[in-house]
C-alpha atoms as a PDB file:
ATOM      1  CA  MET A   1      -8.937   3.227  -9.451  1.00  0.00           C
ATOM      2  CA  MET A   2     -10.163   0.643 -11.971  1.00  0.00           C
ATOM      3  CA  LEU A   3     -10.598   3.134 -14.811  1.00  0.00           C
ATOM      4  CA  LEU A   4      -6.992   4.256 -14.621  1.00  0.00           C
ATOM      5  CA  ALA A   5      -5.838   0.630 -14.394  1.00  0.00           C
ATOM      6  CA  ILE A   6      -7.731  -0.061 -17.634  1.00  0.00           C
ATOM      7  CA  MET A   7      -6.090   2.983 -19.212  1.00  0.00           C
ATOM      8  CA  LEU A   8      -2.686   1.723 -18.094  1.00  0.00           C
ATOM      9  CA  SER A   9      -3.314  -1.714 -19.557  1.00  0.00           C
ATOM     10  CA  ALA A  10      -4.368  -0.269 -22.917  1.00  0.00           C
ATOM     11  CA  ASN A  11      -1.396   2.084 -23.061  1.00  0.00           C
ATOM     12  CA  ALA A  12       1.014  -0.632 -22.002  1.00  0.00           C
ATOM     13  CA  GLN A  13      -0.239  -2.898 -24.784  1.00  0.00           C
ATOM     14  CA  LYS A  14       0.347  -0.102 -27.292  1.00  0.00           C
ATOM     15  CA  ASN A  15       3.852   0.293 -25.907  1.00  0.00           C
ATOM     16  CA  SER A  16       4.524  -3.481 -25.917  1.00  0.00           C
ATOM     17  CA  SER A  17       4.921  -3.463 -22.163  1.00  0.00           C
ATOM     18  CA  SER A  18       3.049  -5.233 -19.378  1.00  0.00           C
ATOM     19  CA  PRO A  19       1.720  -3.545 -16.204  1.00  0.00           C
ATOM     20  CA  LYS A  20       3.034  -6.537 -14.246  1.00  0.00           C
ATOM     21  CA  GLN A  21       6.566  -5.414 -15.021  1.00  0.00           C
ATOM     22  CA  LEU A  22       6.093  -2.186 -13.104  1.00  0.00           C
ATOM     23  CA  PRO A  23       7.653  -1.919  -9.628  1.00  0.00           C
ATOM     24  CA  LYS A  24       5.167  -2.450  -6.810  1.00  0.00           C
ATOM     25  CA  PRO A  25       5.258   1.211  -5.643  1.00  0.00           C
ATOM     26  CA  ILE A  26       4.212   2.318  -9.147  1.00  0.00           C
ATOM     27  CA  GLN A  27       1.390  -0.228  -9.254  1.00  0.00           C
ATOM     28  CA  GLU A  28       0.196   1.066  -5.871  1.00  0.00           C
ATOM     29  CA  LEU A  29       0.400   4.633  -7.144  1.00  0.00           C
ATOM     30  CA  ILE A  30      -1.889   3.779 -10.050  1.00  0.00           C
ATOM     31  CA  GLU A  31      -4.343   1.995  -7.766  1.00  0.00           C
ATOM     32  CA  ASN A  32      -4.526   5.099  -5.572  1.00  0.00           C
ATOM     33  CA  MET A  33      -5.525   7.520  -8.321  1.00  0.00           C
ATOM     34  CA  VAL A  34      -8.936   9.029  -7.557  1.00  0.00           C
ATOM     35  CA  TYR A  35     -11.350  10.171 -10.268  1.00  0.00           C
ATOM     36  CA  VAL A  36     -12.623  13.710  -9.708  1.00  0.00           C
ATOM     37  CA  GLU A  37     -15.793  14.743 -11.530  1.00  0.00           C
ATOM     38  CA  GLY A  38     -15.599  18.146 -13.158  1.00  0.00           C
ATOM     39  CA  GLY A  39     -17.443  21.057 -11.607  1.00  0.00           C
ATOM     40  CA  THR A  40     -17.612  24.762 -10.877  1.00  0.00           C
ATOM     41  CA  PHE A  41     -16.461  26.365  -7.639  1.00  0.00           C
ATOM     42  CA  THR A  42     -15.372  29.646  -6.094  1.00  0.00           C
ATOM     43  CA  MET A  43     -11.581  29.702  -6.017  1.00  0.00           C
ATOM     44  CA  GLY A  44      -9.488  31.834  -3.675  1.00  0.00           C
ATOM     45  CA  SER A  45     -10.480  33.973  -0.709  1.00  0.00           C
ATOM     46  CA  ASN A  46     -11.344  37.625  -0.115  1.00  0.00           C
ATOM     47  CA  LEU A  47     -10.610  37.396   3.611  1.00  0.00           C
ATOM     48  CA  GLU A  48      -7.968  39.717   5.020  1.00  0.00           C
ATOM     49  CA  ARG A  49      -4.966  37.498   5.705  1.00  0.00           C
ATOM     50  CA  GLN A  50      -2.534  39.993   7.201  1.00  0.00           C
ATOM     51  CA  GLU A  51      -0.706  37.229   9.027  1.00  0.00           C
ATOM     52  CA  LEU A  52       0.545  35.832   5.715  1.00  0.00           C
ATOM     53  CA  GLU A  53       3.990  37.029   4.793  1.00  0.00           C
ATOM     54  CA  PHE A  54       3.464  36.303   1.092  1.00  0.00           C
ATOM     55  CA  GLY A  55       1.017  34.579  -1.196  1.00  0.00           C
ATOM     56  CA  LYS A  56      -2.121  36.317  -2.449  1.00  0.00           C
ATOM     57  CA  GLU A  57      -5.434  34.473  -2.319  1.00  0.00           C
ATOM     58  CA  ASP A  58      -7.730  37.192  -3.672  1.00  0.00           C
ATOM     59  CA  PRO A  59      -9.904  37.967  -5.497  1.00  0.00           C
ATOM     60  CA  GLU A  60     -12.407  35.142  -5.296  1.00  0.00           C
ATOM     61  CA  HIS A  61     -13.396  34.035  -8.779  1.00  0.00           C
ATOM     62  CA  GLN A  62     -15.508  31.355 -10.417  1.00  0.00           C
ATOM     63  CA  VAL A  63     -13.623  28.458 -11.958  1.00  0.00           C
ATOM     64  CA  THR A  64     -14.850  25.435 -13.891  1.00  0.00           C
ATOM     65  CA  VAL A  65     -12.609  22.372 -14.141  1.00  0.00           C
ATOM     66  CA  SER A  66     -12.953  19.315 -16.364  1.00  0.00           C
ATOM     67  CA  PRO A  67     -12.758  15.758 -14.929  1.00  0.00           C
ATOM     68  CA  PHE A  68      -9.322  14.560 -13.871  1.00  0.00           C
ATOM     69  CA  PHE A  69      -7.524  12.039 -11.707  1.00  0.00           C
ATOM     70  CA  ILE A  70      -5.528  12.975  -8.613  1.00  0.00           C
ATOM     71  CA  CYS A  71      -3.592  10.727  -6.263  1.00  0.00           C
ATOM     72  CA  ARG A  72      -4.981   9.817  -2.878  1.00  0.00           C
ATOM     73  CA  TYR A  73      -1.544  10.457  -1.346  1.00  0.00           C
ATOM     74  CA  GLU A  74       1.443  12.706  -1.773  1.00  0.00           C
ATOM     75  CA  VAL A  75       4.221  11.058  -3.810  1.00  0.00           C
ATOM     76  CA  THR A  76       6.107   8.832  -1.395  1.00  0.00           C
ATOM     77  CA  GLN A  77       9.823   8.178  -1.338  1.00  0.00           C
ATOM     78  CA  ASP A  78       9.505   4.583  -2.538  1.00  0.00           C
ATOM     79  CA  VAL A  79       7.634   5.818  -5.626  1.00  0.00           C
ATOM     80  CA  TRP A  80      10.220   8.508  -6.302  1.00  0.00           C
ATOM     81  CA  ASP A  81      13.082   6.031  -5.931  1.00  0.00           C
ATOM     82  CA  ALA A  82      11.365   3.486  -8.224  1.00  0.00           C
ATOM     83  CA  VAL A  83      11.206   6.112 -10.975  1.00  0.00           C
ATOM     84  CA  MET A  84      14.347   8.167 -10.427  1.00  0.00           C
ATOM     85  CA  GLY A  85      16.721   5.662  -8.820  1.00  0.00           C
ATOM     86  CA  ASN A  86      17.546   8.163  -6.098  1.00  0.00           C
ATOM     87  CA  ASN A  87      15.977   9.859  -3.107  1.00  0.00           C
ATOM     88  CA  LYS A  88      16.706  13.530  -2.516  1.00  0.00           C
ATOM     89  CA  SER A  89      14.745  13.673   0.746  1.00  0.00           C
ATOM     90  CA  LEU A  90      16.805  14.740   3.739  1.00  0.00           C
ATOM     91  CA  VAL A  91      14.784  12.504   6.084  1.00  0.00           C
ATOM     92  CA  LYS A  92      14.367   8.998   4.656  1.00  0.00           C
ATOM     93  CA  GLY A  93      11.376   6.658   4.852  1.00  0.00           C
ATOM     94  CA  ALA A  94       9.628   4.611   2.156  1.00  0.00           C
ATOM     95  CA  LYS A  95       6.130   5.875   2.971  1.00  0.00           C
ATOM     96  CA  LEU A  96       7.155   9.377   3.942  1.00  0.00           C
ATOM     97  CA  PRO A  97       6.352  11.970   1.290  1.00  0.00           C
ATOM     98  CA  VAL A  98       9.312  12.829  -0.878  1.00  0.00           C
ATOM     99  CA  GLY A  99      10.791  16.193   0.074  1.00  0.00           C
ATOM    100  CA  ASN A 100      13.576  18.522  -0.936  1.00  0.00           C
ATOM    101  CA  VAL A 101      12.516  18.446  -4.599  1.00  0.00           C
ATOM    102  CA  CYS A 102      12.126  21.507  -6.807  1.00  0.00           C
ATOM    103  CA  TRP A 103       9.619  22.076  -9.621  1.00  0.00           C
ATOM    104  CA  ASP A 104      12.229  21.149 -12.221  1.00  0.00           C
ATOM    105  CA  ASP A 105      12.903  17.858 -10.374  1.00  0.00           C
ATOM    106  CA  CYS A 106       9.174  17.124 -10.455  1.00  0.00           C
ATOM    107  CA  GLN A 107       9.008  17.683 -14.201  1.00  0.00           C
ATOM    108  CA  GLU A 108      11.835  15.216 -14.758  1.00  0.00           C
ATOM    109  CA  PHE A 109      10.123  12.702 -12.469  1.00  0.00           C
ATOM    110  CA  VAL A 110       6.808  13.052 -14.314  1.00  0.00           C
ATOM    111  CA  LEU A 111       8.440  12.622 -17.714  1.00  0.00           C
ATOM    112  CA  LYS A 112      10.169   9.409 -16.634  1.00  0.00           C
ATOM    113  CA  LEU A 113       6.974   8.093 -15.021  1.00  0.00           C
ATOM    114  CA  VAL A 114       4.980   8.718 -18.203  1.00  0.00           C
ATOM    115  CA  LEU A 115       7.586   6.849 -20.247  1.00  0.00           C
ATOM    116  CA  MET A 116       7.566   4.008 -17.716  1.00  0.00           C
ATOM    117  CA  THR A 117       3.780   3.573 -17.547  1.00  0.00           C
ATOM    118  CA  GLY A 118       2.272   5.083 -20.692  1.00  0.00           C
ATOM    119  CA  VAL A 119      -0.165   7.005 -18.466  1.00  0.00           C
ATOM    120  CA  ASN A 120      -0.503  10.763 -18.877  1.00  0.00           C
ATOM    121  CA  PHE A 121       0.672  11.672 -15.372  1.00  0.00           C
ATOM    122  CA  ARG A 122       1.383  15.338 -14.619  1.00  0.00           C
ATOM    123  CA  LEU A 123       1.322  17.916 -11.876  1.00  0.00           C
ATOM    124  CA  PRO A 124      -2.183  19.187 -11.130  1.00  0.00           C
ATOM    125  CA  THR A 125      -3.078  22.690 -12.176  1.00  0.00           C
ATOM    126  CA  GLU A 126      -3.599  25.054  -9.271  1.00  0.00           C
ATOM    127  CA  ALA A 127      -7.342  25.115  -9.981  1.00  0.00           C
ATOM    128  CA  GLU A 128      -7.529  21.307  -9.978  1.00  0.00           C
ATOM    129  CA  TRP A 129      -5.532  21.188  -6.772  1.00  0.00           C
ATOM    130  CA  GLU A 130      -7.843  23.597  -4.945  1.00  0.00           C
ATOM    131  CA  PHE A 131     -11.007  21.972  -6.292  1.00  0.00           C
ATOM    132  CA  ALA A 132      -9.782  18.585  -5.069  1.00  0.00           C
ATOM    133  CA  ALA A 133      -8.633  19.990  -1.714  1.00  0.00           C
ATOM    134  CA  ARG A 134     -12.071  21.514  -1.190  1.00  0.00           C
ATOM    135  CA  GLY A 135     -13.697  18.114  -1.799  1.00  0.00           C
ATOM    136  CA  GLY A 136     -14.815  18.651  -5.392  1.00  0.00           C
ATOM    137  CA  ASN A 137     -18.566  18.463  -5.913  1.00  0.00           C
ATOM    138  CA  LYS A 138     -18.876  16.798  -2.496  1.00  0.00           C
ATOM    139  CA  SER A 139     -17.387  19.798  -0.688  1.00  0.00           C
ATOM    140  CA  ARG A 140     -18.582  20.677   2.806  1.00  0.00           C
ATOM    141  CA  HIS A 141     -16.849  24.081   2.420  1.00  0.00           C
ATOM    142  CA  THR A 142     -14.401  23.673   5.278  1.00  0.00           C
ATOM    143  CA  LYS A 143     -11.352  25.828   6.002  1.00  0.00           C
ATOM    144  CA  TYR A 144      -8.954  22.899   5.735  1.00  0.00           C
ATOM    145  CA  SER A 145      -9.190  19.933   3.402  1.00  0.00           C
ATOM    146  CA  GLY A 146     -11.915  17.829   4.998  1.00  0.00           C
ATOM    147  CA  SER A 147     -12.409  19.668   8.278  1.00  0.00           C
ATOM    148  CA  ASN A 148     -12.549  22.999  10.084  1.00  0.00           C
ATOM    149  CA  THR A 149     -10.263  21.436  12.707  1.00  0.00           C
ATOM    150  CA  ILE A 150      -6.726  21.323  11.364  1.00  0.00           C
ATOM    151  CA  ASP A 151      -5.407  18.706  13.822  1.00  0.00           C
ATOM    152  CA  SER A 152      -7.754  16.086  12.401  1.00  0.00           C
ATOM    153  CA  VAL A 153      -6.527  16.406   8.807  1.00  0.00           C
ATOM    154  CA  ALA A 154      -3.011  17.859   8.741  1.00  0.00           C
ATOM    155  CA  TRP A 155       0.526  17.704  10.098  1.00  0.00           C
ATOM    156  CA  TYR A 156       1.570  21.290  10.769  1.00  0.00           C
ATOM    157  CA  GLN A 157       3.784  23.374  13.046  1.00  0.00           C
ATOM    158  CA  PHE A 158       2.010  22.597  16.328  1.00  0.00           C
ATOM    159  CA  ASN A 159       1.507  18.827  15.998  1.00  0.00           C
ATOM    160  CA  SER A 160       4.207  17.542  13.618  1.00  0.00           C
ATOM    161  CA  GLY A 161       7.351  17.812  15.733  1.00  0.00           C
ATOM    162  CA  ASN A 162       8.708  19.737  12.733  1.00  0.00           C
ATOM    163  CA  LYS A 163       9.150  16.540  10.726  1.00  0.00           C
ATOM    164  CA  LEU A 164       7.566  14.598   7.882  1.00  0.00           C
ATOM    165  CA  HIS A 165       4.992  11.920   8.647  1.00  0.00           C
ATOM    166  CA  THR A 166       3.877   8.753   6.883  1.00  0.00           C
ATOM    167  CA  VAL A 167       1.165   9.610   4.373  1.00  0.00           C
ATOM    168  CA  GLY A 168      -2.462   8.803   5.102  1.00  0.00           C
ATOM    169  CA  GLN A 169      -2.407   8.947   8.901  1.00  0.00           C
ATOM    170  CA  LYS A 170      -4.800  11.867   9.260  1.00  0.00           C
ATOM    171  CA  ALA A 171      -8.457  11.889   8.177  1.00  0.00           C
ATOM    172  CA  PRO A 172      -9.167  12.195   4.436  1.00  0.00           C
ATOM    173  CA  ASN A 173     -11.330  14.839   2.814  1.00  0.00           C
ATOM    174  CA  GLU A 174     -14.657  14.290   1.051  1.00  0.00           C
ATOM    175  CA  LEU A 175     -12.948  12.709  -1.976  1.00  0.00           C
ATOM    176  CA  GLY A 176     -10.806  10.355   0.099  1.00  0.00           C
ATOM    177  CA  LEU A 177      -7.637  12.440  -0.376  1.00  0.00           C
ATOM    178  CA  TYR A 178      -5.076  12.591   2.426  1.00  0.00           C
ATOM    179  CA  ASP A 179      -2.646  15.308   3.542  1.00  0.00           C
ATOM    180  CA  MET A 180      -3.891  17.944   1.114  1.00  0.00           C
ATOM    181  CA  ASN A 181      -2.908  20.352   3.871  1.00  0.00           C
ATOM    182  CA  GLY A 182       0.317  20.016   5.830  1.00  0.00           C
ATOM    183  CA  ASN A 183       3.131  17.437   5.662  1.00  0.00           C
ATOM    184  CA  VAL A 184       4.761  18.762   2.446  1.00  0.00           C
ATOM    185  CA  TRP A 185       3.999  21.690   0.179  1.00  0.00           C
ATOM    186  CA  GLU A 186       2.798  20.384  -3.179  1.00  0.00           C
ATOM    187  CA  TRP A 187       4.064  21.780  -6.475  1.00  0.00           C
ATOM    188  CA  CYS A 188       1.450  22.616  -9.104  1.00  0.00           C
ATOM    189  CA  HIS A 189       1.786  22.959 -12.865  1.00  0.00           C
ATOM    190  CA  ASP A 190       1.153  26.713 -13.006  1.00  0.00           C
ATOM    191  CA  TYR A 191       3.340  29.761 -13.035  1.00  0.00           C
ATOM    192  CA  TYR A 192       2.526  31.940 -10.017  1.00  0.00           C
ATOM    193  CA  ALA A 193       0.617  35.211 -10.460  1.00  0.00           C
ATOM    194  CA  ARG A 194      -2.180  37.215  -8.843  1.00  0.00           C
ATOM    195  CA  TYR A 195      -5.637  35.874  -9.608  1.00  0.00           C
ATOM    196  CA  ASP A 196      -7.903  37.385 -12.233  1.00  0.00           C
ATOM    197  CA  LYS A 197     -11.443  38.067 -10.977  1.00  0.00           C
ATOM    198  CA  SER A 198     -13.097  36.899 -14.201  1.00  0.00           C
ATOM    199  CA  ALA A 199     -14.732  33.480 -14.506  1.00  0.00           C
ATOM    200  CA  GLN A 200     -12.452  30.871 -16.086  1.00  0.00           C
ATOM    201  CA  THR A 201     -12.548  27.331 -17.421  1.00  0.00           C
ATOM    202  CA  ASP A 202      -9.573  25.013 -16.861  1.00  0.00           C
ATOM    203  CA  PRO A 203      -7.121  27.848 -16.109  1.00  0.00           C
ATOM    204  CA  LYS A 204      -3.432  27.048 -16.247  1.00  0.00           C
ATOM    205  CA  GLY A 205      -1.990  30.089 -14.500  1.00  0.00           C
ATOM    206  CA  ALA A 206       0.117  32.926 -15.825  1.00  0.00           C
ATOM    207  CA  LEU A 207       1.693  32.711 -19.277  1.00  0.00           C
ATOM    208  CA  ASN A 208       5.109  33.428 -17.813  1.00  0.00           C
ATOM    209  CA  SER A 209       6.682  34.086 -14.431  1.00  0.00           C
ATOM    210  CA  SER A 210       9.896  33.547 -12.501  1.00  0.00           C
ATOM    211  CA  THR A 211       8.071  31.404  -9.936  1.00  0.00           C
ATOM    212  CA  ASN A 212       5.755  28.394  -9.842  1.00  0.00           C
ATOM    213  CA  VAL A 213       2.805  27.690  -7.603  1.00  0.00           C
ATOM    214  CA  ILE A 214       3.130  25.568  -4.477  1.00  0.00           C
ATOM    215  CA  ARG A 215       0.100  24.710  -2.334  1.00  0.00           C
ATOM    216  CA  GLY A 216      -1.146  23.135   0.882  1.00  0.00           C
ATOM    217  CA  GLY A 217       1.220  24.182   3.657  1.00  0.00           C
ATOM    218  CA  CYS A 218       3.621  21.830   5.408  1.00  0.00           C
ATOM    219  CA  SER A 219       4.742  20.316   8.706  1.00  0.00           C
ATOM    220  CA  GLY A 220       6.768  23.368   9.649  1.00  0.00           C
ATOM    221  CA  TRP A 221       4.169  26.070   9.009  1.00  0.00           C
ATOM    222  CA  ARG A 222       1.354  27.709  10.952  1.00  0.00           C
ATOM    223  CA  PRO A 223      -2.361  26.810  10.613  1.00  0.00           C
ATOM    224  CA  GLU A 224      -3.151  29.956   8.623  1.00  0.00           C
ATOM    225  CA  GLU A 225      -0.653  28.855   5.982  1.00  0.00           C
ATOM    226  CA  CYS A 226      -2.234  25.413   5.640  1.00  0.00           C
ATOM    227  CA  SER A 227      -5.768  26.266   4.486  1.00  0.00           C
ATOM    228  CA  VAL A 228      -7.343  25.162   1.198  1.00  0.00           C
ATOM    229  CA  THR A 229      -6.734  28.648  -0.231  1.00  0.00           C
ATOM    230  CA  SER A 230      -3.162  29.393   0.924  1.00  0.00           C
ATOM    231  CA  ARG A 231      -0.657  29.598  -1.933  1.00  0.00           C
ATOM    232  CA  MET A 232       2.876  30.710  -2.653  1.00  0.00           C
ATOM    233  CA  GLY A 233       5.265  31.094  -5.544  1.00  0.00           C
ATOM    234  CA  TYR A 234       8.808  29.711  -5.579  1.00  0.00           C
ATOM    235  CA  SER A 235      11.568  29.549  -8.150  1.00  0.00           C
ATOM    236  CA  PRO A 236      11.425  26.275 -10.125  1.00  0.00           C
ATOM    237  CA  VAL A 237      14.940  25.450  -8.889  1.00  0.00           C
ATOM    238  CA  THR A 238      14.171  26.045  -5.192  1.00  0.00           C
ATOM    239  CA  THR A 239      14.323  22.994  -2.935  1.00  0.00           C
ATOM    240  CA  ALA A 240      13.177  22.749   0.670  1.00  0.00           C
ATOM    241  CA  LEU A 241      12.854  20.026   3.289  1.00  0.00           C
ATOM    242  CA  PHE A 242       9.045  20.246   3.073  1.00  0.00           C
ATOM    243  CA  GLY A 243       8.734  20.663  -0.717  1.00  0.00           C
ATOM    244  CA  GLY A 244       7.018  17.712  -2.441  1.00  0.00           C
ATOM    245  CA  LEU A 245       4.267  16.862  -4.904  1.00  0.00           C
ATOM    246  CA  ARG A 246       1.056  15.012  -5.672  1.00  0.00           C
ATOM    247  CA  LEU A 247       0.275  13.593  -9.100  1.00  0.00           C
ATOM    248  CA  ALA A 248      -2.666  14.179 -11.388  1.00  0.00           C
ATOM    249  CA  ALA A 249      -3.603  12.480 -14.667  1.00  0.00           C
ATOM    250  CA  THR A 250      -5.835  13.332 -17.576  1.00  0.00           C
ATOM    251  CA  PRO A 251      -8.656  10.906 -18.523  1.00  0.00           C
ATOM    252  CA  GLU A 252      -8.291   9.590 -22.073  1.00  0.00           C
END
């Protein structure tokens, strides 16, 4: 995304650093940031989801989000290694999404990436994540991110072989985002809590909680747990094979 590249160049100059010094995976990460126009949408679902063991998607409520950037892909292992100097994933592969990372790990990663690039990277809020997964203002209102047919857009329990897959192999959604459902669960910024039914602008979740939001489903889960509305809360120190992240950034 040219706009973010311009932002990076300006920030790097302020920090007496050159974008050319960044490792190639970080340069590719910046190039793959997608600008999402702000908008208003209906977040959550009022459908009975008795098959879900946990995670509450109701009540539906109106949410307005400001413009933001979000990455076209889940954070890959080569990006994580370029920032952290290690790879916690149990199954290794440069273009596989990073897995086995907890929310606290993600915060450390983001902090180091911000210091490295001068760009205001962060985890997306839950509202931003769902707005982007739904296709933003271009949404076709599908059950999964980009389609009503899960096999076309996601790696999940019945087509993944119970393993991670290289990012970007399935079809993208309306914004050109890949793997918003399936592959790895994606940590969000917010504390986890039941939704409030009132209309909100740029919500950032509960003020306090023992768990953080994780979204999108993963390779090992069923279709009903991989929709654009499915959500769960996990301890910020919980790691899992299919626990990863996707980056957002704030326009300056």
